[in-house]
Amino acid sequence: MPSENKKAGQLNNEGILFYNNGQFEEAFKRYDEALEADPNFLEAWNNKGNVLRALGRYEEALDAFDQGISIDPKDPNPWANKGAVYYELQMFTESIECFDHALENDPENKVALSNKGAALGNLGKHQEALECFEETLKIDPEDINAQTNKKILLDFLDK
């Protein structure tokens, strides 16, 4: 949800540009400044979490996503991104819990659904993982992540 504070919105947009250019420290500064201007700016919390994740600062990223969740627990984005952090930390059960929260609020969230499948696969729950990938492909038959993850899983099961 966009901020009603123009300065916060502009700083967040600058952060996005820096993030997309791989300038993570500059992006982080912009998101921090945006949050100083509007501490309830959910998108900036989510973006700050993503840049912290990119910087490998996982605990801080989880805190940023938690801030976003506290502002709007029904927004699927901070839940899905928090799940991605747990996934990177190989905390697959925790990541699935987060992906489930995202899917409660957005059942067709392809990122959460495909990532949940990957986490389930890492836990050895291959049938459930396959179902997640197939459900993602029903939503978007061209989803490259679901296609790739499904192929990897099927190749693994054939061995």
C-alpha atoms as a PDB file:
ATOM      1  CA  MET A   1       0.000   0.000   0.000  1.00  0.00           C
ATOM      2  CA  PRO A   2       1.505   3.356  -1.011  1.00  0.00           C
ATOM      3  CA  SER A   3       2.315   6.038   1.507  1.00  0.00           C
ATOM      4  CA  GLU A   4       0.272   9.209   1.641  1.00  0.00           C
ATOM      5  CA  ASN A   5       3.528  10.975   2.487  1.00  0.00           C
ATOM      6  CA  LYS A   6       4.995  12.133  -0.852  1.00  0.00           C
ATOM      7  CA  LYS A   7       8.546  12.337   0.500  1.00  0.00           C
ATOM      8  CA  ALA A   8       8.330   8.763   1.798  1.00  0.00           C
ATOM      9  CA  GLY A   9       6.978   7.561  -1.543  1.00  0.00           C
ATOM     10  CA  GLN A  10       9.730   9.308  -3.469  1.00  0.00           C
ATOM     11  CA  LEU A  11      12.456   7.909  -1.201  1.00  0.00           C
ATOM     12  CA  ASN A  12      10.990   4.419  -1.510  1.00  0.00           C
ATOM     13  CA  ASN A  13      10.963   4.733  -5.312  1.00  0.00           C
ATOM     14  CA  GLU A  14      14.601   5.873  -5.262  1.00  0.00           C
ATOM     15  CA  GLY A  15      15.384   2.845  -3.101  1.00  0.00           C
ATOM     16  CA  ILE A  16      13.775   0.574  -5.674  1.00  0.00           C
ATOM     17  CA  LEU A  17      15.950   2.066  -8.423  1.00  0.00           C
ATOM     18  CA  PHE A  18      19.112   1.567  -6.366  1.00  0.00           C
ATOM     19  CA  TYR A  19      18.022  -1.980  -5.454  1.00  0.00           C
ATOM     20  CA  ASN A  20      17.391  -2.850  -9.100  1.00  0.00           C
ATOM     21  CA  ASN A  21      20.890  -1.541  -9.929  1.00  0.00           C
ATOM     22  CA  GLY A  22      22.433  -3.750  -7.247  1.00  0.00           C
ATOM     23  CA  GLN A  23      23.318  -0.717  -5.103  1.00  0.00           C
ATOM     24  CA  PHE A  24      21.990  -2.294  -1.921  1.00  0.00           C
ATOM     25  CA  GLU A  25      23.567   0.060   0.633  1.00  0.00           C
ATOM     26  CA  GLU A  26      22.111   3.099  -1.149  1.00  0.00           C
ATOM     27  CA  ALA A  27      18.740   1.367  -1.404  1.00  0.00           C
ATOM     28  CA  PHE A  28      18.868   0.582   2.314  1.00  0.00           C
ATOM     29  CA  LYS A  29      19.502   4.259   3.117  1.00  0.00           C
ATOM     30  CA  ARG A  30      16.526   5.348   1.009  1.00  0.00           C
ATOM     31  CA  TYR A  31      14.183   2.830   2.623  1.00  0.00           C
ATOM     32  CA  ASP A  32      15.342   3.950   6.075  1.00  0.00           C
ATOM     33  CA  GLU A  33      14.715   7.580   5.148  1.00  0.00           C
ATOM     34  CA  ALA A  34      11.285   6.669   3.757  1.00  0.00           C
ATOM     35  CA  LEU A  35      10.450   4.960   7.041  1.00  0.00           C
ATOM     36  CA  GLU A  36      11.603   7.992   9.016  1.00  0.00           C
ATOM     37  CA  ALA A  37       9.125  10.040   6.984  1.00  0.00           C
ATOM     38  CA  ASP A  38       6.350   7.439   7.344  1.00  0.00           C
ATOM     39  CA  PRO A  39       6.931   4.656   9.911  1.00  0.00           C
ATOM     40  CA  ASN A  40       3.732   2.888   8.797  1.00  0.00           C
ATOM     41  CA  PHE A  41       4.762   2.574   5.140  1.00  0.00           C
ATOM     42  CA  LEU A  42       4.313  -1.152   4.590  1.00  0.00           C
ATOM     43  CA  GLU A  43       5.916  -1.251   1.137  1.00  0.00           C
ATOM     44  CA  ALA A  44       9.064   0.434   2.472  1.00  0.00           C
ATOM     45  CA  TRP A  45       9.284  -2.119   5.328  1.00  0.00           C
ATOM     46  CA  ASN A  46       8.940  -4.906   2.795  1.00  0.00           C
ATOM     47  CA  ASN A  47      11.560  -3.364   0.517  1.00  0.00           C
ATOM     48  CA  LYS A  48      13.892  -2.772   3.462  1.00  0.00           C
ATOM     49  CA  GLY A  49      13.538  -6.452   4.368  1.00  0.00           C
ATOM     50  CA  ASN A  50      14.370  -7.472   0.815  1.00  0.00           C
ATOM     51  CA  VAL A  51      17.504  -5.336   0.683  1.00  0.00           C
ATOM     52  CA  LEU A  52      18.625  -6.626   4.083  1.00  0.00           C
ATOM     53  CA  ARG A  53      18.112 -10.159   2.783  1.00  0.00           C
ATOM     54  CA  ALA A  54      20.210  -9.318  -0.279  1.00  0.00           C
ATOM     55  CA  LEU A  55      22.921  -8.027   2.073  1.00  0.00           C
ATOM     56  CA  GLY A  56      22.820 -11.276   4.066  1.00  0.00           C
ATOM     57  CA  ARG A  57      21.508  -9.492   7.163  1.00  0.00           C
ATOM     58  CA  TYR A  58      18.818 -12.092   7.775  1.00  0.00           C
ATOM     59  CA  GLU A  59      17.791 -11.297  11.356  1.00  0.00           C
ATOM     60  CA  GLU A  60      17.294  -7.639  10.464  1.00  0.00           C
ATOM     61  CA  ALA A  61      15.357  -8.676   7.367  1.00  0.00           C
ATOM     62  CA  LEU A  62      13.029 -10.823   9.489  1.00  0.00           C
ATOM     63  CA  ASP A  63      12.502  -7.849  11.817  1.00  0.00           C
ATOM     64  CA  ALA A  64      11.631  -5.603   8.863  1.00  0.00           C
ATOM     65  CA  PHE A  65       9.122  -8.123   7.523  1.00  0.00           C
ATOM     66  CA  ASP A  66       7.626  -8.442  11.017  1.00  0.00           C
ATOM     67  CA  GLN A  67       7.171  -4.660  11.071  1.00  0.00           C
ATOM     68  CA  GLY A  68       5.301  -4.890   7.773  1.00  0.00           C
ATOM     69  CA  ILE A  69       3.185  -7.760   9.067  1.00  0.00           C
ATOM     70  CA  SER A  70       2.295  -5.730  12.173  1.00  0.00           C
ATOM     71  CA  ILE A  71       1.008  -2.931   9.930  1.00  0.00           C
ATOM     72  CA  ASP A  72      -1.132  -5.244   7.782  1.00  0.00           C
ATOM     73  CA  PRO A  73      -1.155  -8.946   8.709  1.00  0.00           C
ATOM     74  CA  LYS A  74      -3.260  -9.718   5.614  1.00  0.00           C
ATOM     75  CA  ASP A  75      -0.708  -8.416   3.107  1.00  0.00           C
ATOM     76  CA  PRO A  76       0.895 -11.532   1.576  1.00  0.00           C
ATOM     77  CA  ASN A  77       4.166  -9.874   0.531  1.00  0.00           C
ATOM     78  CA  PRO A  78       5.964  -9.576   3.875  1.00  0.00           C
ATOM     79  CA  TRP A  79       4.818 -13.114   4.741  1.00  0.00           C
ATOM     80  CA  ALA A  80       6.169 -14.520   1.450  1.00  0.00           C
ATOM     81  CA  ASN A  81       9.432 -12.606   1.818  1.00  0.00           C
ATOM     82  CA  LYS A  82       9.844 -13.669   5.443  1.00  0.00           C
ATOM     83  CA  GLY A  83       9.350 -17.248   4.244  1.00  0.00           C
ATOM     84  CA  ALA A  84      12.079 -16.736   1.640  1.00  0.00           C
ATOM     85  CA  VAL A  85      14.510 -15.648   4.376  1.00  0.00           C
ATOM     86  CA  TYR A  86      13.725 -18.747   6.414  1.00  0.00           C
ATOM     87  CA  TYR A  87      14.157 -20.818   3.258  1.00  0.00           C
ATOM     88  CA  GLU A  88      17.617 -19.339   2.663  1.00  0.00           C
ATOM     89  CA  LEU A  89      18.455 -20.155   6.284  1.00  0.00           C
ATOM     90  CA  GLN A  90      17.270 -23.732   5.570  1.00  0.00           C
ATOM     91  CA  MET A  91      14.554 -23.355   8.204  1.00  0.00           C
ATOM     92  CA  PHE A  92      12.023 -25.047   5.954  1.00  0.00           C
ATOM     93  CA  THR A  93       9.247 -25.621   8.494  1.00  0.00           C
ATOM     94  CA  GLU A  94       9.255 -21.929   9.431  1.00  0.00           C
ATOM     95  CA  SER A  95       9.330 -20.930   5.777  1.00  0.00           C
ATOM     96  CA  ILE A  96       6.270 -23.096   5.037  1.00  0.00           C
ATOM     97  CA  GLU A  97       4.381 -21.451   7.920  1.00  0.00           C
ATOM     98  CA  CYS A  98       5.085 -18.043   6.391  1.00  0.00           C
ATOM     99  CA  PHE A  99       4.137 -19.163   2.883  1.00  0.00           C
ATOM    100  CA  ASP A 100       0.890 -20.561   4.314  1.00  0.00           C
ATOM    101  CA  HIS A 101       0.088 -17.158   5.846  1.00  0.00           C
ATOM    102  CA  ALA A 102       0.725 -15.498   2.481  1.00  0.00           C
ATOM    103  CA  LEU A 103      -1.527 -18.044   0.764  1.00  0.00           C
ATOM    104  CA  GLU A 104      -4.329 -17.573   3.307  1.00  0.00           C
ATOM    105  CA  ASN A 105      -4.527 -13.971   2.161  1.00  0.00           C
ATOM    106  CA  ASP A 106      -3.722 -14.556  -1.514  1.00  0.00           C
ATOM    107  CA  PRO A 107      -4.398 -18.182  -2.542  1.00  0.00           C
ATOM    108  CA  GLU A 108      -2.996 -17.559  -6.036  1.00  0.00           C
ATOM    109  CA  ASN A 109       0.302 -16.070  -4.868  1.00  0.00           C
ATOM    110  CA  LYS A 110       2.628 -17.911  -7.261  1.00  0.00           C
ATOM    111  CA  VAL A 111       5.811 -17.002  -5.405  1.00  0.00           C
ATOM    112  CA  ALA A 112       4.535 -18.285  -2.061  1.00  0.00           C
ATOM    113  CA  LEU A 113       3.058 -21.418  -3.636  1.00  0.00           C
ATOM    114  CA  SER A 114       6.160 -22.357  -5.630  1.00  0.00           C
ATOM    115  CA  ASN A 115       8.496 -21.559  -2.729  1.00  0.00           C
ATOM    116  CA  LYS A 116       6.329 -23.605  -0.394  1.00  0.00           C
ATOM    117  CA  GLY A 117       6.746 -26.494  -2.821  1.00  0.00           C
ATOM    118  CA  ALA A 118      10.520 -26.086  -2.756  1.00  0.00           C
ATOM    119  CA  ALA A 119      10.529 -26.061   1.056  1.00  0.00           C
ATOM    120  CA  LEU A 120       8.309 -29.148   1.179  1.00  0.00           C
ATOM    121  CA  GLY A 121      10.651 -30.883  -1.247  1.00  0.00           C
ATOM    122  CA  ASN A 122      13.601 -30.113   1.013  1.00  0.00           C
ATOM    123  CA  LEU A 123      11.688 -31.730   3.887  1.00  0.00           C
ATOM    124  CA  GLY A 124      11.172 -34.872   1.800  1.00  0.00           C
ATOM    125  CA  LYS A 125       7.446 -34.204   1.328  1.00  0.00           C
ATOM    126  CA  HIS A 126       7.671 -34.810  -2.385  1.00  0.00           C
ATOM    127  CA  GLN A 127       4.003 -35.364  -3.201  1.00  0.00           C
ATOM    128  CA  GLU A 128       2.952 -32.164  -1.412  1.00  0.00           C
ATOM    129  CA  ALA A 129       5.772 -30.314  -3.166  1.00  0.00           C
ATOM    130  CA  LEU A 130       4.644 -31.593  -6.559  1.00  0.00           C
ATOM    131  CA  GLU A 131       1.077 -30.470  -5.793  1.00  0.00           C
ATOM    132  CA  CYS A 132       2.328 -26.952  -5.041  1.00  0.00           C
ATOM    133  CA  PHE A 133       4.241 -26.776  -8.326  1.00  0.00           C
ATOM    134  CA  GLU A 134       1.259 -28.107 -10.278  1.00  0.00           C
ATOM    135  CA  GLU A 135      -1.088 -25.626  -8.579  1.00  0.00           C
ATOM    136  CA  THR A 136       1.296 -22.792  -9.454  1.00  0.00           C
ATOM    137  CA  LEU A 137       1.325 -23.951 -13.069  1.00  0.00           C
ATOM    138  CA  LYS A 138      -2.487 -23.985 -13.140  1.00  0.00           C
ATOM    139  CA  ILE A 139      -2.363 -20.311 -12.158  1.00  0.00           C
ATOM    140  CA  ASP A 140       0.437 -19.518 -14.619  1.00  0.00           C
ATOM    141  CA  PRO A 141       1.552 -22.264 -17.021  1.00  0.00           C
ATOM    142  CA  GLU A 142       4.599 -20.152 -17.950  1.00  0.00           C
ATOM    143  CA  ASP A 143       5.923 -19.761 -14.383  1.00  0.00           C
ATOM    144  CA  ILE A 144       9.604 -20.597 -14.813  1.00  0.00           C
ATOM    145  CA  ASN A 145      10.252 -21.245 -11.108  1.00  0.00           C
ATOM    146  CA  ALA A 146       7.459 -23.784 -10.833  1.00  0.00           C
ATOM    147  CA  GLN A 147       8.471 -25.418 -14.129  1.00  0.00           C
ATOM    148  CA  THR A 148      12.096 -25.702 -13.013  1.00  0.00           C
ATOM    149  CA  ASN A 149      11.289 -26.897  -9.504  1.00  0.00           C
ATOM    150  CA  LYS A 150       8.836 -29.489 -10.814  1.00  0.00           C
ATOM    151  CA  LYS A 151      11.408 -30.811 -13.291  1.00  0.00           C
ATOM    152  CA  ILE A 152      14.109 -31.012 -10.602  1.00  0.00           C
ATOM    153  CA  LEU A 153      11.747 -32.870  -8.290  1.00  0.00           C
ATOM    154  CA  LEU A 154      10.600 -35.321 -10.960  1.00  0.00           C
ATOM    155  CA  ASP A 155      14.201 -35.965 -12.039  1.00  0.00           C
ATOM    156  CA  PHE A 156      15.127 -36.581  -8.400  1.00  0.00           C
ATOM    157  CA  LEU A 157      12.218 -39.014  -7.937  1.00  0.00           C
ATOM    158  CA  ASP A 158      13.185 -40.920 -11.117  1.00  0.00           C
ATOM    159  CA  LYS A 159      16.643 -41.705  -9.694  1.00  0.00           C
END
